[in-house]
Amino acid sequence: MHRPNIGRKLRLGLIVAGALIAIKIAEYFVGVDINPGATPYLVVLALIAAWAILNYFMHISELWSGVTELGEEITGPVQKED
């Protein structure tokens, strides 16, 4: 049975968390400038942060991957026995 490399996953999580911190710092400095032209930049930064959270921490992509928790491919609907 294949076991995931926990160290690699933790390292990736820390890298993503660091990137989110950097994005939040950038949002702060862009947001301090009370300029109506800053709004599109804030929206882009927020969308990038939301994607990272959904993908790396909430694992939203696994909903569409076709893989069960045991790592087996879904072959179709479960059939009832008579």
PDB file of N, CA and C in Angstrom:
ATOM      1  N   MET A   1       0.840  -1.178   0.000  1.00  0.00           N
ATOM      2  CA  MET A   1       0.000   0.000   0.000  1.00  0.00           C
ATOM      3  C   MET A   1       0.888   1.245   0.000  1.00  0.00           C
ATOM      4  N   HIS A   2       0.570   2.184  -0.833  1.00  0.00           N
ATOM      5  CA  HIS A   2       1.367   3.396  -0.985  1.00  0.00           C
ATOM      6  C   HIS A   2       1.019   4.392   0.118  1.00  0.00           C
ATOM      7  N   ARG A   3       2.037   4.849   0.827  1.00  0.00           N
ATOM      8  CA  ARG A   3       1.813   5.857   1.869  1.00  0.00           C
ATOM      9  C   ARG A   3       2.341   7.197   1.371  1.00  0.00           C
ATOM     10  N   PRO A   4       1.539   8.253   1.520  1.00  0.00           N
ATOM     11  CA  PRO A   4       2.003   9.569   1.056  1.00  0.00           C
ATOM     12  C   PRO A   4       3.175  10.063   1.897  1.00  0.00           C
ATOM     13  N   ASN A   5       4.041  10.801   1.277  1.00  0.00           N
ATOM     14  CA  ASN A   5       5.187  11.376   1.962  1.00  0.00           C
ATOM     15  C   ASN A   5       4.708  12.573   2.774  1.00  0.00           C
ATOM     16  N   ILE A   6       4.566  12.387   4.082  1.00  0.00           N
ATOM     17  CA  ILE A   6       4.021  13.424   4.960  1.00  0.00           C
ATOM     18  C   ILE A   6       4.921  14.653   4.986  1.00  0.00           C
ATOM     19  N   GLY A   7       6.222  14.450   5.005  1.00  0.00           N
ATOM     20  CA  GLY A   7       7.148  15.579   5.030  1.00  0.00           C
ATOM     21  C   GLY A   7       6.982  16.486   3.818  1.00  0.00           C
ATOM     22  N   ARG A   8       6.791  15.867   2.658  1.00  0.00           N
ATOM     23  CA  ARG A   8       6.599  16.635   1.421  1.00  0.00           C
ATOM     24  C   ARG A   8       5.298  17.429   1.473  1.00  0.00           C
ATOM     25  N   LYS A   9       4.241  16.801   1.994  1.00  0.00           N
ATOM     26  CA  LYS A   9       2.956  17.493   2.092  1.00  0.00           C
ATOM     27  C   LYS A   9       3.018  18.642   3.094  1.00  0.00           C
ATOM     28  N   LEU A  10       3.708  18.443   4.211  1.00  0.00           N
ATOM     29  CA  LEU A  10       3.852  19.516   5.192  1.00  0.00           C
ATOM     30  C   LEU A  10       4.658  20.677   4.621  1.00  0.00           C
ATOM     31  N   ARG A  11       5.713  20.355   3.875  1.00  0.00           N
ATOM     32  CA  ARG A  11       6.527  21.398   3.258  1.00  0.00           C
ATOM     33  C   ARG A  11       5.697  22.206   2.270  1.00  0.00           C
ATOM     34  N   LEU A  12       4.887  21.523   1.454  1.00  0.00           N
ATOM     35  CA  LEU A  12       4.016  22.215   0.503  1.00  0.00           C
ATOM     36  C   LEU A  12       3.012  23.095   1.238  1.00  0.00           C
ATOM     37  N   GLY A  13       2.455  22.583   2.337  1.00  0.00           N
ATOM     38  CA  GLY A  13       1.513  23.381   3.130  1.00  0.00           C
ATOM     39  C   GLY A  13       2.161  24.632   3.693  1.00  0.00           C
ATOM     40  N   LEU A  14       3.399  24.519   4.138  1.00  0.00           N
ATOM     41  CA  LEU A  14       4.104  25.689   4.667  1.00  0.00           C
ATOM     42  C   LEU A  14       4.422  26.688   3.557  1.00  0.00           C
ATOM     43  N   ILE A  15       4.771  26.189   2.387  1.00  0.00           N
ATOM     44  CA  ILE A  15       5.042  27.090   1.259  1.00  0.00           C
ATOM     45  C   ILE A  15       3.776  27.847   0.874  1.00  0.00           C
ATOM     46  N   VAL A  16       2.648  27.127   0.807  1.00  0.00           N
ATOM     47  CA  VAL A  16       1.384  27.776   0.456  1.00  0.00           C
ATOM     48  C   VAL A  16       0.976  28.771   1.543  1.00  0.00           C
ATOM     49  N   ALA A  17       1.160  28.409   2.807  1.00  0.00           N
ATOM     50  CA  ALA A  17       0.840  29.340   3.900  1.00  0.00           C
ATOM     51  C   ALA A  17       1.709  30.593   3.808  1.00  0.00           C
ATOM     52  N   GLY A  18       2.989  30.423   3.489  1.00  0.00           N
ATOM     53  CA  GLY A  18       3.871  31.570   3.298  1.00  0.00           C
ATOM     54  C   GLY A  18       3.440  32.443   2.138  1.00  0.00           C
ATOM     55  N   ALA A  19       2.999  31.803   1.047  1.00  0.00           N
ATOM     56  CA  ALA A  19       2.513  32.569  -0.100  1.00  0.00           C
ATOM     57  C   ALA A  19       1.249  33.335   0.262  1.00  0.00           C
ATOM     58  N   LEU A  20       0.373  32.726   1.064  1.00  0.00           N
ATOM     59  CA  LEU A  20      -0.844  33.428   1.502  1.00  0.00           C
ATOM     60  C   LEU A  20      -0.507  34.630   2.383  1.00  0.00           C
ATOM     61  N   ILE A  21       0.489  34.477   3.224  1.00  0.00           N
ATOM     62  CA  ILE A  21       0.927  35.609   4.055  1.00  0.00           C
ATOM     63  C   ILE A  21       1.458  36.728   3.162  1.00  0.00           C
ATOM     64  N   ALA A  22       2.241  36.372   2.157  1.00  0.00           N
ATOM     65  CA  ALA A  22       2.770  37.378   1.232  1.00  0.00           C
ATOM     66  C   ALA A  22       1.640  38.075   0.479  1.00  0.00           C
ATOM     67  N   ILE A  23       0.625  37.316   0.079  1.00  0.00           N
ATOM     68  CA  ILE A  23      -0.523  37.917  -0.620  1.00  0.00           C
ATOM     69  C   ILE A  23      -1.262  38.873   0.302  1.00  0.00           C
ATOM     70  N   LYS A  24      -1.435  38.489   1.554  1.00  0.00           N
ATOM     71  CA  LYS A  24      -2.135  39.373   2.508  1.00  0.00           C
ATOM     72  C   LYS A  24      -1.333  40.650   2.761  1.00  0.00           C
ATOM     73  N   ILE A  25      -0.030  40.539   2.818  1.00  0.00           N
ATOM     74  CA  ILE A  25       0.804  41.736   2.983  1.00  0.00           C
ATOM     75  C   ILE A  25       0.664  42.639   1.763  1.00  0.00           C
ATOM     76  N   ALA A  26       0.675  42.028   0.579  1.00  0.00           N
ATOM     77  CA  ALA A  26       0.490  42.814  -0.650  1.00  0.00           C
ATOM     78  C   ALA A  26      -0.892  43.469  -0.665  1.00  0.00           C
ATOM     79  N   GLU A  27      -1.927  42.735  -0.217  1.00  0.00           N
ATOM     80  CA  GLU A  27      -3.272  43.318  -0.145  1.00  0.00           C
ATOM     81  C   GLU A  27      -3.295  44.522   0.792  1.00  0.00           C
ATOM     82  N   TYR A  28      -2.573  44.425   1.890  1.00  0.00           N
ATOM     83  CA  TYR A  28      -2.530  45.544   2.826  1.00  0.00           C
ATOM     84  C   TYR A  28      -1.936  46.785   2.166  1.00  0.00           C
ATOM     85  N   PHE A  29      -0.782  46.605   1.525  1.00  0.00           N
ATOM     86  CA  PHE A  29      -0.130  47.768   0.926  1.00  0.00           C
ATOM     87  C   PHE A  29      -0.918  48.323  -0.256  1.00  0.00           C
ATOM     88  N   VAL A  30      -1.589  47.463  -1.018  1.00  0.00           N
ATOM     89  CA  VAL A  30      -2.435  47.951  -2.109  1.00  0.00           C
ATOM     90  C   VAL A  30      -3.673  48.633  -1.523  1.00  0.00           C
ATOM     91  N   GLY A  31      -4.223  48.065  -0.440  1.00  0.00           N
ATOM     92  CA  GLY A  31      -5.425  48.617   0.180  1.00  0.00           C
ATOM     93  C   GLY A  31      -5.190  49.920   0.919  1.00  0.00           C
ATOM     94  N   VAL A  32      -3.981  50.153   1.401  1.00  0.00           N
ATOM     95  CA  VAL A  32      -3.680  51.402   2.104  1.00  0.00           C
ATOM     96  C   VAL A  32      -3.847  52.581   1.161  1.00  0.00           C
ATOM     97  N   ASP A  33      -3.543  52.350  -0.080  1.00  0.00           N
ATOM     98  CA  ASP A  33      -3.723  53.385  -1.095  1.00  0.00           C
ATOM     99  C   ASP A  33      -5.219  53.476  -1.389  1.00  0.00           C
ATOM    100  N   ILE A  34      -5.899  54.444  -0.799  1.00  0.00           N
ATOM    101  CA  ILE A  34      -7.351  54.592  -0.964  1.00  0.00           C
ATOM    102  C   ILE A  34      -7.627  55.218  -2.326  1.00  0.00           C
ATOM    103  N   ASN A  35      -7.345  54.452  -3.324  1.00  0.00           N
ATOM    104  CA  ASN A  35      -7.509  54.904  -4.692  1.00  0.00           C
ATOM    105  C   ASN A  35      -8.511  53.964  -5.364  1.00  0.00           C
ATOM    106  N   PRO A  36      -9.539  54.503  -6.030  1.00  0.00           N
ATOM    107  CA  PRO A  36     -10.500  53.614  -6.693  1.00  0.00           C
ATOM    108  C   PRO A  36      -9.849  52.693  -7.729  1.00  0.00           C
ATOM    109  N   GLY A  37      -8.713  53.069  -8.239  1.00  0.00           N
ATOM    110  CA  GLY A  37      -8.017  52.237  -9.207  1.00  0.00           C
ATOM    111  C   GLY A  37      -7.365  51.014  -8.584  1.00  0.00           C
ATOM    112  N   ALA A  38      -7.313  50.930  -7.241  1.00  0.00           N
ATOM    113  CA  ALA A  38      -6.696  49.790  -6.570  1.00  0.00           C
ATOM    114  C   ALA A  38      -7.641  48.603  -6.448  1.00  0.00           C
ATOM    115  N   THR A  39      -8.915  48.818  -6.658  1.00  0.00           N
ATOM    116  CA  THR A  39      -9.900  47.746  -6.469  1.00  0.00           C
ATOM    117  C   THR A  39      -9.646  46.531  -7.354  1.00  0.00           C
ATOM    118  N   PRO A  40      -9.372  46.669  -8.635  1.00  0.00           N
ATOM    119  CA  PRO A  40      -9.106  45.463  -9.445  1.00  0.00           C
ATOM    120  C   PRO A  40      -7.905  44.658  -8.943  1.00  0.00           C
ATOM    121  N   TYR A  41      -6.882  45.329  -8.444  1.00  0.00           N
ATOM    122  CA  TYR A  41      -5.722  44.629  -7.910  1.00  0.00           C
ATOM    123  C   TYR A  41      -6.088  43.832  -6.663  1.00  0.00           C
ATOM    124  N   LEU A  42      -6.931  44.421  -5.812  1.00  0.00           N
ATOM    125  CA  LEU A  42      -7.375  43.717  -4.615  1.00  0.00           C
ATOM    126  C   LEU A  42      -8.217  42.496  -4.968  1.00  0.00           C
ATOM    127  N   VAL A  43      -9.057  42.631  -5.977  1.00  0.00           N
ATOM    128  CA  VAL A  43      -9.890  41.506  -6.413  1.00  0.00           C
ATOM    129  C   VAL A  43      -9.004  40.370  -6.938  1.00  0.00           C
ATOM    130  N   VAL A  44      -8.011  40.691  -7.728  1.00  0.00           N
ATOM    131  CA  VAL A  44      -7.111  39.664  -8.267  1.00  0.00           C
ATOM    132  C   VAL A  44      -6.358  38.973  -7.136  1.00  0.00           C
ATOM    133  N   LEU A  45      -5.842  39.745  -6.191  1.00  0.00           N
ATOM    134  CA  LEU A  45      -5.131  39.150  -5.059  1.00  0.00           C
ATOM    135  C   LEU A  45      -6.062  38.270  -4.224  1.00  0.00           C
ATOM    136  N   ALA A  46      -7.295  38.706  -4.014  1.00  0.00           N
ATOM    137  CA  ALA A  46      -8.254  37.910  -3.240  1.00  0.00           C
ATOM    138  C   ALA A  46      -8.607  36.606  -3.964  1.00  0.00           C
ATOM    139  N   LEU A  47      -8.745  36.662  -5.278  1.00  0.00           N
ATOM    140  CA  LEU A  47      -9.052  35.451  -6.041  1.00  0.00           C
ATOM    141  C   LEU A  47      -7.892  34.446  -6.006  1.00  0.00           C
ATOM    142  N   ILE A  48      -6.680  34.939  -6.077  1.00  0.00           N
ATOM    143  CA  ILE A  48      -5.512  34.060  -5.990  1.00  0.00           C
ATOM    144  C   ILE A  48      -5.460  33.394  -4.616  1.00  0.00           C
ATOM    145  N   ALA A  49      -5.687  34.178  -3.564  1.00  0.00           N
ATOM    146  CA  ALA A  49      -5.682  33.624  -2.209  1.00  0.00           C
ATOM    147  C   ALA A  49      -6.815  32.613  -2.032  1.00  0.00           C
ATOM    148  N   ALA A  50      -7.990  32.920  -2.547  1.00  0.00           N
ATOM    149  CA  ALA A  50      -9.127  32.000  -2.424  1.00  0.00           C
ATOM    150  C   ALA A  50      -8.837  30.694  -3.156  1.00  0.00           C
ATOM    151  N   TRP A  51      -8.242  30.767  -4.353  1.00  0.00           N
ATOM    152  CA  TRP A  51      -7.905  29.562  -5.094  1.00  0.00           C
ATOM    153  C   TRP A  51      -6.913  28.695  -4.313  1.00  0.00           C
ATOM    154  N   ALA A  52      -5.900  29.332  -3.730  1.00  0.00           N
ATOM    155  CA  ALA A  52      -4.895  28.577  -2.977  1.00  0.00           C
ATOM    156  C   ALA A  52      -5.526  27.885  -1.773  1.00  0.00           C
ATOM    157  N   ILE A  53      -6.398  28.577  -1.069  1.00  0.00           N
ATOM    158  CA  ILE A  53      -7.056  27.975   0.100  1.00  0.00           C
ATOM    159  C   ILE A  53      -7.950  26.820  -0.330  1.00  0.00           C
ATOM    160  N   LEU A  54      -8.759  27.029  -1.368  1.00  0.00           N
ATOM    161  CA  LEU A  54      -9.663  25.975  -1.837  1.00  0.00           C
ATOM    162  C   LEU A  54      -8.896  24.765  -2.360  1.00  0.00           C
ATOM    163  N   ASN A  55      -7.827  24.996  -3.071  1.00  0.00           N
ATOM    164  CA  ASN A  55      -7.104  23.896  -3.700  1.00  0.00           C
ATOM    165  C   ASN A  55      -6.197  23.149  -2.727  1.00  0.00           C
ATOM    166  N   TYR A  56      -5.408  23.855  -1.930  1.00  0.00           N
ATOM    167  CA  TYR A  56      -4.401  23.206  -1.108  1.00  0.00           C
ATOM    168  C   TYR A  56      -4.868  22.836   0.293  1.00  0.00           C
ATOM    169  N   PHE A  57      -5.826  23.565   0.865  1.00  0.00           N
ATOM    170  CA  PHE A  57      -6.252  23.277   2.229  1.00  0.00           C
ATOM    171  C   PHE A  57      -7.627  22.625   2.288  1.00  0.00           C
ATOM    172  N   MET A  58      -8.522  22.968   1.377  1.00  0.00           N
ATOM    173  CA  MET A  58      -9.853  22.366   1.368  1.00  0.00           C
ATOM    174  C   MET A  58      -9.950  21.218   0.359  1.00  0.00           C
ATOM    175  N   HIS A  59      -8.946  21.044  -0.487  1.00  0.00           N
ATOM    176  CA  HIS A  59      -8.858  19.954  -1.464  1.00  0.00           C
ATOM    177  C   HIS A  59     -10.099  19.876  -2.350  1.00  0.00           C
ATOM    178  N   ILE A  60     -10.568  21.017  -2.808  1.00  0.00           N
ATOM    179  CA  ILE A  60     -11.786  21.082  -3.611  1.00  0.00           C
ATOM    180  C   ILE A  60     -11.626  20.357  -4.935  1.00  0.00           C
ATOM    181  N   SER A  61     -10.421  20.266  -5.462  1.00  0.00           N
ATOM    182  CA  SER A  61     -10.205  19.602  -6.753  1.00  0.00           C
ATOM    183  C   SER A  61     -10.482  18.104  -6.675  1.00  0.00           C
ATOM    184  N   GLU A  62     -10.434  17.529  -5.491  1.00  0.00           N
ATOM    185  CA  GLU A  62     -10.695  16.107  -5.345  1.00  0.00           C
ATOM    186  C   GLU A  62     -12.165  15.761  -5.578  1.00  0.00           C
ATOM    187  N   LEU A  63     -13.035  16.741  -5.553  1.00  0.00           N
ATOM    188  CA  LEU A  63     -14.441  16.476  -5.827  1.00  0.00           C
ATOM    189  C   LEU A  63     -14.657  16.015  -7.257  1.00  0.00           C
ATOM    190  N   TRP A  64     -13.806  16.466  -8.164  1.00  0.00           N
ATOM    191  CA  TRP A  64     -13.962  16.149  -9.569  1.00  0.00           C
ATOM    192  C   TRP A  64     -12.883  15.200 -10.088  1.00  0.00           C
ATOM    193  N   SER A  65     -12.060  14.661  -9.229  1.00  0.00           N
ATOM    194  CA  SER A  65     -10.935  13.852  -9.698  1.00  0.00           C
ATOM    195  C   SER A  65     -11.320  12.409 -10.003  1.00  0.00           C
ATOM    196  N   GLY A  66     -12.445  11.931  -9.502  1.00  0.00           N
ATOM    197  CA  GLY A  66     -12.853  10.560  -9.758  1.00  0.00           C
ATOM    198  C   GLY A  66     -12.103   9.545  -8.927  1.00  0.00           C
ATOM    199  N   VAL A  67     -11.581   9.945  -7.774  1.00  0.00           N
ATOM    200  CA  VAL A  67     -10.834   9.050  -6.910  1.00  0.00           C
ATOM    201  C   VAL A  67     -11.525   9.000  -5.557  1.00  0.00           C
ATOM    202  N   THR A  68     -11.677   7.786  -5.018  1.00  0.00           N
ATOM    203  CA  THR A  68     -12.282   7.633  -3.706  1.00  0.00           C
ATOM    204  C   THR A  68     -11.232   7.840  -2.634  1.00  0.00           C
ATOM    205  N   GLU A  69     -11.643   7.747  -1.381  1.00  0.00           N
ATOM    206  CA  GLU A  69     -10.696   7.926  -0.280  1.00  0.00           C
ATOM    207  C   GLU A  69      -9.641   6.838  -0.264  1.00  0.00           C
ATOM    208  N   LEU A  70      -9.964   5.660  -0.758  1.00  0.00           N
ATOM    209  CA  LEU A  70      -9.011   4.556  -0.764  1.00  0.00           C
ATOM    210  C   LEU A  70      -8.072   4.596  -1.953  1.00  0.00           C
ATOM    211  N   GLY A  71      -8.260   5.563  -2.841  1.00  0.00           N
ATOM    212  CA  GLY A  71      -7.387   5.698  -3.983  1.00  0.00           C
ATOM    213  C   GLY A  71      -7.814   4.863  -5.172  1.00  0.00           C
ATOM    214  N   GLU A  72      -8.993   4.275  -5.132  1.00  0.00           N
ATOM    215  CA  GLU A  72      -9.486   3.479  -6.245  1.00  0.00           C
ATOM    216  C   GLU A  72     -10.311   4.370  -7.163  1.00  0.00           C
ATOM    217  N   GLU A  73     -10.210   4.110  -8.452  1.00  0.00           N
ATOM    218  CA  GLU A  73     -11.002   4.899  -9.389  1.00  0.00           C
ATOM    219  C   GLU A  73     -12.463   4.504  -9.282  1.00  0.00           C
ATOM    220  N   ILE A  74     -13.322   5.478  -9.443  1.00  0.00           N
ATOM    221  CA  ILE A  74     -14.755   5.219  -9.402  1.00  0.00           C
ATOM    222  C   ILE A  74     -15.152   4.618 -10.750  1.00  0.00           C
ATOM    223  N   THR A  75     -15.731   3.445 -10.702  1.00  0.00           N
ATOM    224  CA  THR A  75     -16.066   2.755 -11.942  1.00  0.00           C
ATOM    225  C   THR A  75     -17.520   2.957 -12.354  1.00  0.00           C
ATOM    226  N   GLY A  76     -18.309   3.484 -11.499  1.00  0.00           N
ATOM    227  CA  GLY A  76     -19.719   3.713 -11.834  1.00  0.00           C
ATOM    228  C   GLY A  76     -20.567   3.664 -10.579  1.00  0.00           C
ATOM    229  N   PRO A  77     -21.883   3.789 -10.757  1.00  0.00           N
ATOM    230  CA  PRO A  77     -22.752   3.790  -9.587  1.00  0.00           C
ATOM    231  C   PRO A  77     -22.797   2.405  -8.932  1.00  0.00           C
ATOM    232  N   VAL A  78     -23.040   2.405  -7.641  1.00  0.00           N
ATOM    233  CA  VAL A  78     -23.153   1.153  -6.900  1.00  0.00           C
ATOM    234  C   VAL A  78     -24.475   0.507  -7.272  1.00  0.00           C
ATOM    235  N   GLN A  79     -24.420  -0.771  -7.614  1.00  0.00           N
ATOM    236  CA  GLN A  79     -25.627  -1.479  -8.023  1.00  0.00           C
ATOM    237  C   GLN A  79     -26.197  -2.250  -6.849  1.00  0.00           C
ATOM    238  N   LYS A  80     -27.509  -2.174  -6.688  1.00  0.00           N
ATOM    239  CA  LYS A  80     -28.176  -2.876  -5.606  1.00  0.00           C
ATOM    240  C   LYS A  80     -28.362  -4.343  -5.970  1.00  0.00           C
ATOM    241  N   GLU A  81     -28.193  -5.185  -4.951  1.00  0.00           N
ATOM    242  CA  GLU A  81     -28.431  -6.608  -5.162  1.00  0.00           C
ATOM    243  C   GLU A  81     -29.897  -6.907  -4.869  1.00  0.00           C
ATOM    244  N   ASP A  82     -30.499  -7.793  -5.649  1.00  0.00           N
ATOM    245  CA  ASP A  82     -31.898  -8.155  -5.419  1.00  0.00           C
ATOM    246  C   ASP A  82     -32.056  -9.171  -4.327  1.00  0.00           C
TER     247      ASP A  82
END
